[in-house]
PDB file of all heavy atoms in Angstrom:
ATOM      1  N   ALA A   1      11.172  -6.759   6.868  1.00  0.00           N
ATOM      2  CA  ALA A   1      11.251  -5.821   7.993  1.00  0.00           C
ATOM      3  C   ALA A   1      10.238  -6.163   9.089  1.00  0.00           C
ATOM      4  O   ALA A   1      10.606  -6.446  10.233  1.00  0.00           O
ATOM      5  CB  ALA A   1      11.047  -4.393   7.492  1.00  0.00           C
ATOM      6  N   LEU A   2       8.950  -6.157   8.733  1.00  0.00           N
ATOM      7  CA  LEU A   2       7.921  -6.465   9.725  1.00  0.00           C
ATOM      8  C   LEU A   2       8.098  -7.884  10.256  1.00  0.00           C
ATOM      9  O   LEU A   2       7.952  -8.137  11.461  1.00  0.00           O
ATOM     10  CB  LEU A   2       6.534  -6.289   9.115  1.00  0.00           C
ATOM     11  CG  LEU A   2       5.341  -6.466  10.059  1.00  0.00           C
ATOM     12  CD1 LEU A   2       5.382  -5.434  11.184  1.00  0.00           C
ATOM     13  CD2 LEU A   2       4.028  -6.355   9.282  1.00  0.00           C
ATOM     14  N   GLY A   3       8.430  -8.813   9.382  1.00  0.00           N
ATOM     15  CA  GLY A   3       8.653 -10.189   9.810  1.00  0.00           C
ATOM     16  C   GLY A   3       9.778 -10.304  10.820  1.00  0.00           C
ATOM     17  O   GLY A   3       9.693 -11.081  11.782  1.00  0.00           O
ATOM     18  N   THR A   4      10.830  -9.514  10.626  1.00  0.00           N
ATOM     19  CA  THR A   4      11.947  -9.533  11.576  1.00  0.00           C
ATOM     20  C   THR A   4      11.529  -8.999  12.934  1.00  0.00           C
ATOM     21  O   THR A   4      11.955  -9.501  13.978  1.00  0.00           O
ATOM     22  CB  THR A   4      13.133  -8.728  11.014  1.00  0.00           C
ATOM     23  OG1 THR A   4      13.640  -9.394   9.850  1.00  0.00           O
ATOM     24  CG2 THR A   4      14.252  -8.601  12.039  1.00  0.00           C
ATOM     25  N   VAL A   5      10.674  -7.984  12.939  1.00  0.00           N
ATOM     26  CA  VAL A   5      10.158  -7.473  14.215  1.00  0.00           C
ATOM     27  C   VAL A   5       9.372  -8.577  14.932  1.00  0.00           C
ATOM     28  O   VAL A   5       9.547  -8.808  16.137  1.00  0.00           O
ATOM     29  CB  VAL A   5       9.267  -6.240  14.002  1.00  0.00           C
ATOM     30  CG1 VAL A   5       8.623  -5.802  15.320  1.00  0.00           C
ATOM     31  CG2 VAL A   5      10.082  -5.090  13.416  1.00  0.00           C
ATOM     32  N   HIS A   6       8.514  -9.265  14.205  1.00  0.00           N
ATOM     33  CA  HIS A   6       7.719 -10.329  14.816  1.00  0.00           C
ATOM     34  C   HIS A   6       8.613 -11.435  15.385  1.00  0.00           C
ATOM     35  O   HIS A   6       8.403 -11.900  16.520  1.00  0.00           O
ATOM     36  CB  HIS A   6       6.772 -10.936  13.783  1.00  0.00           C
ATOM     37  CG  HIS A   6       5.648 -10.030  13.404  1.00  0.00           C
ATOM     38  ND1 HIS A   6       4.933 -10.183  12.229  1.00  0.00           N
ATOM     39  CD2 HIS A   6       5.108  -8.943  14.012  1.00  0.00           C
ATOM     40  CE1 HIS A   6       4.004  -9.251  12.150  1.00  0.00           C
ATOM     41  NE2 HIS A   6       4.094  -8.485  13.222  1.00  0.00           N
ATOM     42  N   VAL A   7       9.602 -11.869  14.610  1.00  0.00           N
ATOM     43  CA  VAL A   7      10.490 -12.939  15.073  1.00  0.00           C
ATOM     44  C   VAL A   7      11.303 -12.476  16.281  1.00  0.00           C
ATOM     45  O   VAL A   7      11.493 -13.223  17.247  1.00  0.00           O
ATOM     46  CB  VAL A   7      11.420 -13.395  13.934  1.00  0.00           C
ATOM     47  CG1 VAL A   7      12.492 -14.360  14.461  1.00  0.00           C
ATOM     48  CG2 VAL A   7      10.616 -14.065  12.821  1.00  0.00           C
ATOM     49  N   THR A   8      11.761 -11.234  16.239  1.00  0.00           N
ATOM     50  CA  THR A   8      12.576 -10.717  17.337  1.00  0.00           C
ATOM     51  C   THR A   8      11.764 -10.583  18.616  1.00  0.00           C
ATOM     52  O   THR A   8      12.208 -10.984  19.705  1.00  0.00           O
ATOM     53  CB  THR A   8      13.199  -9.360  16.948  1.00  0.00           C
ATOM     54  OG1 THR A   8      14.001  -9.532  15.768  1.00  0.00           O
ATOM     55  CG2 THR A   8      14.082  -8.811  18.064  1.00  0.00           C
ATOM     56  N   GLU A   9      10.567 -10.026  18.502  1.00  0.00           N
ATOM     57  CA  GLU A   9       9.724  -9.863  19.695  1.00  0.00           C
ATOM     58  C   GLU A   9       9.320 -11.220  20.277  1.00  0.00           C
ATOM     59  O   GLU A   9       9.322 -11.406  21.503  1.00  0.00           O
ATOM     60  CB  GLU A   9       8.484  -9.046  19.345  1.00  0.00           C
ATOM     61  CG  GLU A   9       8.763  -7.572  19.096  1.00  0.00           C
ATOM     62  CD  GLU A   9       7.491  -6.772  18.859  1.00  0.00           C
ATOM     63  OE1 GLU A   9       6.443  -7.392  18.587  1.00  0.00           O
ATOM     64  OE2 GLU A   9       7.561  -5.540  18.950  1.00  0.00           O
ATOM     65  N   ALA A  10       8.975 -12.158  19.417  1.00  0.00           N
ATOM     66  CA  ALA A  10       8.594 -13.486  19.895  1.00  0.00           C
ATOM     67  C   ALA A  10       9.778 -14.201  20.521  1.00  0.00           C
ATOM     68  O   ALA A  10       9.629 -14.931  21.514  1.00  0.00           O
ATOM     69  CB  ALA A  10       8.021 -14.312  18.740  1.00  0.00           C
ATOM     70  N   SER A  11      10.964 -13.988  19.962  1.00  0.00           N
ATOM     71  CA  SER A  11      12.173 -14.597  20.525  1.00  0.00           C
ATOM     72  C   SER A  11      12.495 -13.998  21.889  1.00  0.00           C
ATOM     73  O   SER A  11      12.888 -14.711  22.823  1.00  0.00           O
ATOM     74  CB  SER A  11      13.352 -14.391  19.572  1.00  0.00           C
ATOM     75  OG  SER A  11      13.155 -15.078  18.357  1.00  0.00           O
ATOM     76  N   LEU A  12      12.326 -12.695  22.007  1.00  0.00           N
ATOM     77  CA  LEU A  12      12.581 -12.036  23.290  1.00  0.00           C
ATOM     78  C   LEU A  12      11.665 -12.586  24.375  1.00  0.00           C
ATOM     79  O   LEU A  12      12.070 -12.739  25.535  1.00  0.00           O
ATOM     80  CB  LEU A  12      12.391 -10.529  23.152  1.00  0.00           C
ATOM     81  CG  LEU A  12      12.607  -9.684  24.411  1.00  0.00           C
ATOM     82  CD1 LEU A  12      14.034  -9.845  24.937  1.00  0.00           C
ATOM     83  CD2 LEU A  12      12.313  -8.210  24.123  1.00  0.00           C
ATOM     84  N   ALA A  13      10.448 -12.924  24.000  1.00  0.00           N
ATOM     85  CA  ALA A  13       9.483 -13.429  24.975  1.00  0.00           C
ATOM     86  C   ALA A  13       9.904 -14.774  25.566  1.00  0.00           C
ATOM     87  O   ALA A  13       9.513 -15.107  26.696  1.00  0.00           O
ATOM     88  CB  ALA A  13       8.106 -13.552  24.327  1.00  0.00           C
ATOM     89  N   VAL A  14      10.706 -15.562  24.825  1.00  0.00           N
ATOM     90  CA  VAL A  14      11.137 -16.872  25.327  1.00  0.00           C
ATOM     91  C   VAL A  14      12.602 -16.879  25.721  1.00  0.00           C
ATOM     92  O   VAL A  14      13.129 -17.899  26.174  1.00  0.00           O
ATOM     93  CB  VAL A  14      10.874 -17.985  24.283  1.00  0.00           C
ATOM     94  CG1 VAL A  14       9.404 -18.031  23.905  1.00  0.00           C
ATOM     95  CG2 VAL A  14      11.747 -17.807  23.036  1.00  0.00           C
ATOM     96  N   ALA A  15      13.286 -15.741  25.531  1.00  0.00           N
ATOM     97  CA  ALA A  15      14.726 -15.682  25.781  1.00  0.00           C
ATOM     98  C   ALA A  15      15.032 -15.827  27.263  1.00  0.00           C
ATOM     99  O   ALA A  15      14.365 -15.252  28.112  1.00  0.00           O
ATOM    100  CB  ALA A  15      15.296 -14.370  25.247  1.00  0.00           C
ATOM    101  N   ASP A  16      16.091 -16.584  27.534  1.00  0.00           N
ATOM    102  CA  ASP A  16      16.576 -16.766  28.898  1.00  0.00           C
ATOM    103  C   ASP A  16      18.095 -16.666  28.860  1.00  0.00           C
ATOM    104  O   ASP A  16      18.687 -16.407  27.797  1.00  0.00           O
ATOM    105  CB  ASP A  16      16.117 -18.137  29.437  1.00  0.00           C
ATOM    106  CG  ASP A  16      16.006 -18.158  30.946  1.00  0.00           C
ATOM    107  OD1 ASP A  16      16.572 -17.253  31.601  1.00  0.00           O
ATOM    108  OD2 ASP A  16      15.376 -19.087  31.484  1.00  0.00           O
ATOM    109  N   GLU A  17      18.723 -16.871  29.991  1.00  0.00           N
ATOM    110  CA  GLU A  17      20.175 -16.791  30.081  1.00  0.00           C
ATOM    111  C   GLU A  17      20.837 -17.672  29.021  1.00  0.00           C
ATOM    112  O   GLU A  17      20.531 -18.861  28.907  1.00  0.00           O
ATOM    113  CB  GLU A  17      20.636 -17.235  31.465  1.00  0.00           C
ATOM    114  CG  GLU A  17      22.106 -17.006  31.750  1.00  0.00           C
ATOM    115  CD  GLU A  17      22.435 -15.549  32.039  1.00  0.00           C
ATOM    116  OE1 GLU A  17      21.557 -14.823  32.545  1.00  0.00           O
ATOM    117  OE2 GLU A  17      23.581 -15.144  31.735  1.00  0.00           O
ATOM    118  N   GLY A  18      21.715 -17.079  28.215  1.00  0.00           N
ATOM    119  CA  GLY A  18      22.444 -17.825  27.197  1.00  0.00           C
ATOM    120  C   GLY A  18      21.761 -17.915  25.848  1.00  0.00           C
ATOM    121  O   GLY A  18      22.351 -18.406  24.880  1.00  0.00           O
ATOM    122  N   PHE A  19      20.526 -17.456  25.743  1.00  0.00           N
ATOM    123  CA  PHE A  19      19.789 -17.493  24.475  1.00  0.00           C
ATOM    124  C   PHE A  19      20.443 -16.564  23.444  1.00  0.00           C
ATOM    125  O   PHE A  19      21.013 -15.524  23.795  1.00  0.00           O
ATOM    126  CB  PHE A  19      18.348 -17.051  24.717  1.00  0.00           C
ATOM    127  CG  PHE A  19      17.498 -16.967  23.470  1.00  0.00           C
ATOM    128  CD1 PHE A  19      16.749 -18.041  23.043  1.00  0.00           C
ATOM    129  CD2 PHE A  19      17.454 -15.790  22.729  1.00  0.00           C
ATOM    130  CE1 PHE A  19      15.965 -17.958  21.901  1.00  0.00           C
ATOM    131  CE2 PHE A  19      16.678 -15.701  21.584  1.00  0.00           C
ATOM    132  CZ  PHE A  19      15.933 -16.790  21.166  1.00  0.00           C
ATOM    133  N   ALA A  20      20.328 -16.921  22.166  1.00  0.00           N
ATOM    134  CA  ALA A  20      20.845 -16.067  21.094  1.00  0.00           C
ATOM    135  C   ALA A  20      19.876 -16.036  19.916  1.00  0.00           C
ATOM    136  O   ALA A  20      19.350 -17.076  19.516  1.00  0.00           O
ATOM    137  CB  ALA A  20      22.208 -16.553  20.616  1.00  0.00           C
ATOM    138  N   LEU A  21      19.654 -14.837  19.376  1.00  0.00           N
ATOM    139  CA  LEU A  21      18.897 -14.650  18.135  1.00  0.00           C
ATOM    140  C   LEU A  21      19.849 -14.089  17.094  1.00  0.00           C
ATOM    141  O   LEU A  21      20.525 -13.082  17.328  1.00  0.00           O
ATOM    142  CB  LEU A  21      17.738 -13.674  18.341  1.00  0.00           C
ATOM    143  CG  LEU A  21      17.064 -13.131  17.069  1.00  0.00           C
ATOM    144  CD1 LEU A  21      16.405 -14.255  16.268  1.00  0.00           C
ATOM    145  CD2 LEU A  21      16.043 -12.048  17.411  1.00  0.00           C
ATOM    146  N   VAL A  22      19.892 -14.746  15.935  1.00  0.00           N
ATOM    147  CA  VAL A  22      20.723 -14.277  14.830  1.00  0.00           C
ATOM    148  C   VAL A  22      19.796 -13.947  13.659  1.00  0.00           C
ATOM    149  O   VAL A  22      19.168 -14.830  13.083  1.00  0.00           O
ATOM    150  CB  VAL A  22      21.757 -15.337  14.401  1.00  0.00           C
ATOM    151  CG1 VAL A  22      22.685 -14.752  13.335  1.00  0.00           C
ATOM    152  CG2 VAL A  22      22.554 -15.828  15.599  1.00  0.00           C
ATOM    153  N   ASN A  23      19.697 -12.659  13.331  1.00  0.00           N
ATOM    154  CA  ASN A  23      18.889 -12.208  12.194  1.00  0.00           C
ATOM    155  C   ASN A  23      19.779 -12.084  10.958  1.00  0.00           C
ATOM    156  O   ASN A  23      20.898 -11.559  11.040  1.00  0.00           O
ATOM    157  CB  ASN A  23      18.265 -10.845  12.495  1.00  0.00           C
ATOM    158  CG  ASN A  23      17.170 -10.916  13.534  1.00  0.00           C
ATOM    159  OD1 ASN A  23      16.350 -11.829  13.514  1.00  0.00           O
ATOM    160  ND2 ASN A  23      17.135  -9.963  14.456  1.00  0.00           N
ATOM    161  N   VAL A  24      19.274 -12.527   9.820  1.00  0.00           N
ATOM    162  CA  VAL A  24      20.039 -12.413   8.582  1.00  0.00           C
ATOM    163  C   VAL A  24      19.670 -11.120   7.864  1.00  0.00           C
ATOM    164  O   VAL A  24      18.505 -10.904   7.508  1.00  0.00           O
ATOM    165  CB  VAL A  24      19.803 -13.627   7.664  1.00  0.00           C
ATOM    166  CG1 VAL A  24      20.493 -13.414   6.320  1.00  0.00           C
ATOM    167  CG2 VAL A  24      20.337 -14.891   8.330  1.00  0.00           C
ATOM    168  N   ALA A  25      20.661 -10.260   7.675  1.00  0.00           N
ATOM    169  CA  ALA A  25      20.487  -9.005   6.947  1.00  0.00           C
ATOM    170  C   ALA A  25      21.062  -9.196   5.534  1.00  0.00           C
ATOM    171  O   ALA A  25      20.787 -10.214   4.895  1.00  0.00           O
ATOM    172  CB  ALA A  25      21.154  -7.858   7.699  1.00  0.00           C
ATOM    173  N   SER A  26      21.875  -8.274   5.044  1.00  0.00           N
ATOM    174  CA  SER A  26      22.442  -8.395   3.702  1.00  0.00           C
ATOM    175  C   SER A  26      23.474  -7.303   3.481  1.00  0.00           C
ATOM    176  O   SER A  26      23.410  -6.227   4.096  1.00  0.00           O
ATOM    177  CB  SER A  26      21.341  -8.255   2.638  1.00  0.00           C
ATOM    178  OG  SER A  26      21.884  -8.119   1.334  1.00  0.00           O
ATOM    179  N   ILE A  27      24.399  -7.559   2.577  1.00  0.00           N
ATOM    180  CA  ILE A  27      25.318  -6.513   2.157  1.00  0.00           C
ATOM    181  C   ILE A  27      24.558  -5.299   1.628  1.00  0.00           C
ATOM    182  O   ILE A  27      25.010  -4.165   1.740  1.00  0.00           O
ATOM    183  CB  ILE A  27      26.308  -7.027   1.079  1.00  0.00           C
ATOM    184  CG1 ILE A  27      27.343  -5.947   0.743  1.00  0.00           C
ATOM    185  CG2 ILE A  27      25.570  -7.509  -0.164  1.00  0.00           C
ATOM    186  CD1 ILE A  27      28.390  -6.389  -0.248  1.00  0.00           C
ATOM    187  N   ALA A  28      23.358  -5.532   1.084  1.00  0.00           N
ATOM    188  CA  ALA A  28      22.550  -4.422   0.560  1.00  0.00           C
ATOM    189  C   ALA A  28      22.246  -3.410   1.650  1.00  0.00           C
ATOM    190  O   ALA A  28      22.109  -2.215   1.385  1.00  0.00           O
ATOM    191  CB  ALA A  28      21.248  -4.957  -0.036  1.00  0.00           C
ATOM    192  N   GLY A  29      22.148  -3.871   2.891  1.00  0.00           N
ATOM    193  CA  GLY A  29      21.892  -2.969   3.994  1.00  0.00           C
ATOM    194  C   GLY A  29      23.065  -2.064   4.320  1.00  0.00           C
ATOM    195  O   GLY A  29      22.903  -1.064   5.032  1.00  0.00           O
ATOM    196  N   HIS A  30      24.236  -2.410   3.807  1.00  0.00           N
ATOM    197  CA  HIS A  30      25.447  -1.616   4.038  1.00  0.00           C
ATOM    198  C   HIS A  30      25.705  -0.625   2.899  1.00  0.00           C
ATOM    199  O   HIS A  30      26.674   0.138   2.958  1.00  0.00           O
ATOM    200  CB  HIS A  30      26.663  -2.537   4.156  1.00  0.00           C
ATOM    201  CG  HIS A  30      26.695  -3.328   5.421  1.00  0.00           C
ATOM    202  ND1 HIS A  30      27.424  -2.956   6.526  1.00  0.00           N
ATOM    203  CD2 HIS A  30      26.072  -4.492   5.762  1.00  0.00           C
ATOM    204  CE1 HIS A  30      27.262  -3.841   7.490  1.00  0.00           C
ATOM    205  NE2 HIS A  30      26.444  -4.791   7.046  1.00  0.00           N
ATOM    206  N   MET A  31      24.867  -0.643   1.890  1.00  0.00           N
ATOM    207  CA  MET A  31      25.146   0.153   0.689  1.00  0.00           C
ATOM    208  C   MET A  31      24.252   1.380   0.558  1.00  0.00           C
ATOM    209  O   MET A  31      24.294   2.073  -0.460  1.00  0.00           O
ATOM    210  CB  MET A  31      25.002  -0.748  -0.549  1.00  0.00           C
ATOM    211  CG  MET A  31      26.051  -1.853  -0.589  1.00  0.00           C
ATOM    212  SD  MET A  31      25.762  -3.093  -1.880  1.00  0.00           S
ATOM    213  CE  MET A  31      25.898  -2.098  -3.354  1.00  0.00           C
ATOM    214  N   LEU A  32      23.454   1.659   1.573  1.00  0.00           N
ATOM    215  CA  LEU A  32      22.574   2.825   1.513  1.00  0.00           C
ATOM    216  C   LEU A  32      23.299   4.083   1.987  1.00  0.00           C
ATOM    217  O   LEU A  32      23.879   4.090   3.072  1.00  0.00           O
ATOM    218  CB  LEU A  32      21.353   2.607   2.411  1.00  0.00           C
ATOM    219  CG  LEU A  32      20.175   1.820   1.863  1.00  0.00           C
ATOM    220  CD1 LEU A  32      19.142   1.638   2.955  1.00  0.00           C
ATOM    221  CD2 LEU A  32      19.559   2.514   0.672  1.00  0.00           C
ATOM    222  N   PRO A  33      23.257   5.172   1.216  1.00  0.00           N
ATOM    223  CA  PRO A  33      23.773   6.448   1.718  1.00  0.00           C
ATOM    224  C   PRO A  33      22.973   6.883   2.941  1.00  0.00           C
ATOM    225  O   PRO A  33      21.765   6.650   3.030  1.00  0.00           O
ATOM    226  CB  PRO A  33      23.545   7.414   0.544  1.00  0.00           C
ATOM    227  CG  PRO A  33      23.378   6.540  -0.660  1.00  0.00           C
ATOM    228  CD  PRO A  33      22.753   5.272  -0.163  1.00  0.00           C
ATOM    229  N   GLY A  34      23.656   7.511   3.884  1.00  0.00           N
ATOM    230  CA  GLY A  34      23.011   7.885   5.138  1.00  0.00           C
ATOM    231  C   GLY A  34      21.769   8.730   4.966  1.00  0.00           C
ATOM    232  O   GLY A  34      20.786   8.569   5.712  1.00  0.00           O
TER     233      GLY A  34
END
């Protein structure tokens, strides 16, 4: 979780037109009751 925030924020800092960030989640993230 925290690592993803760091990678996302750092990626945003260098992002320009056409840039893409793909984060890997998991099916486990789809199995939590609301």
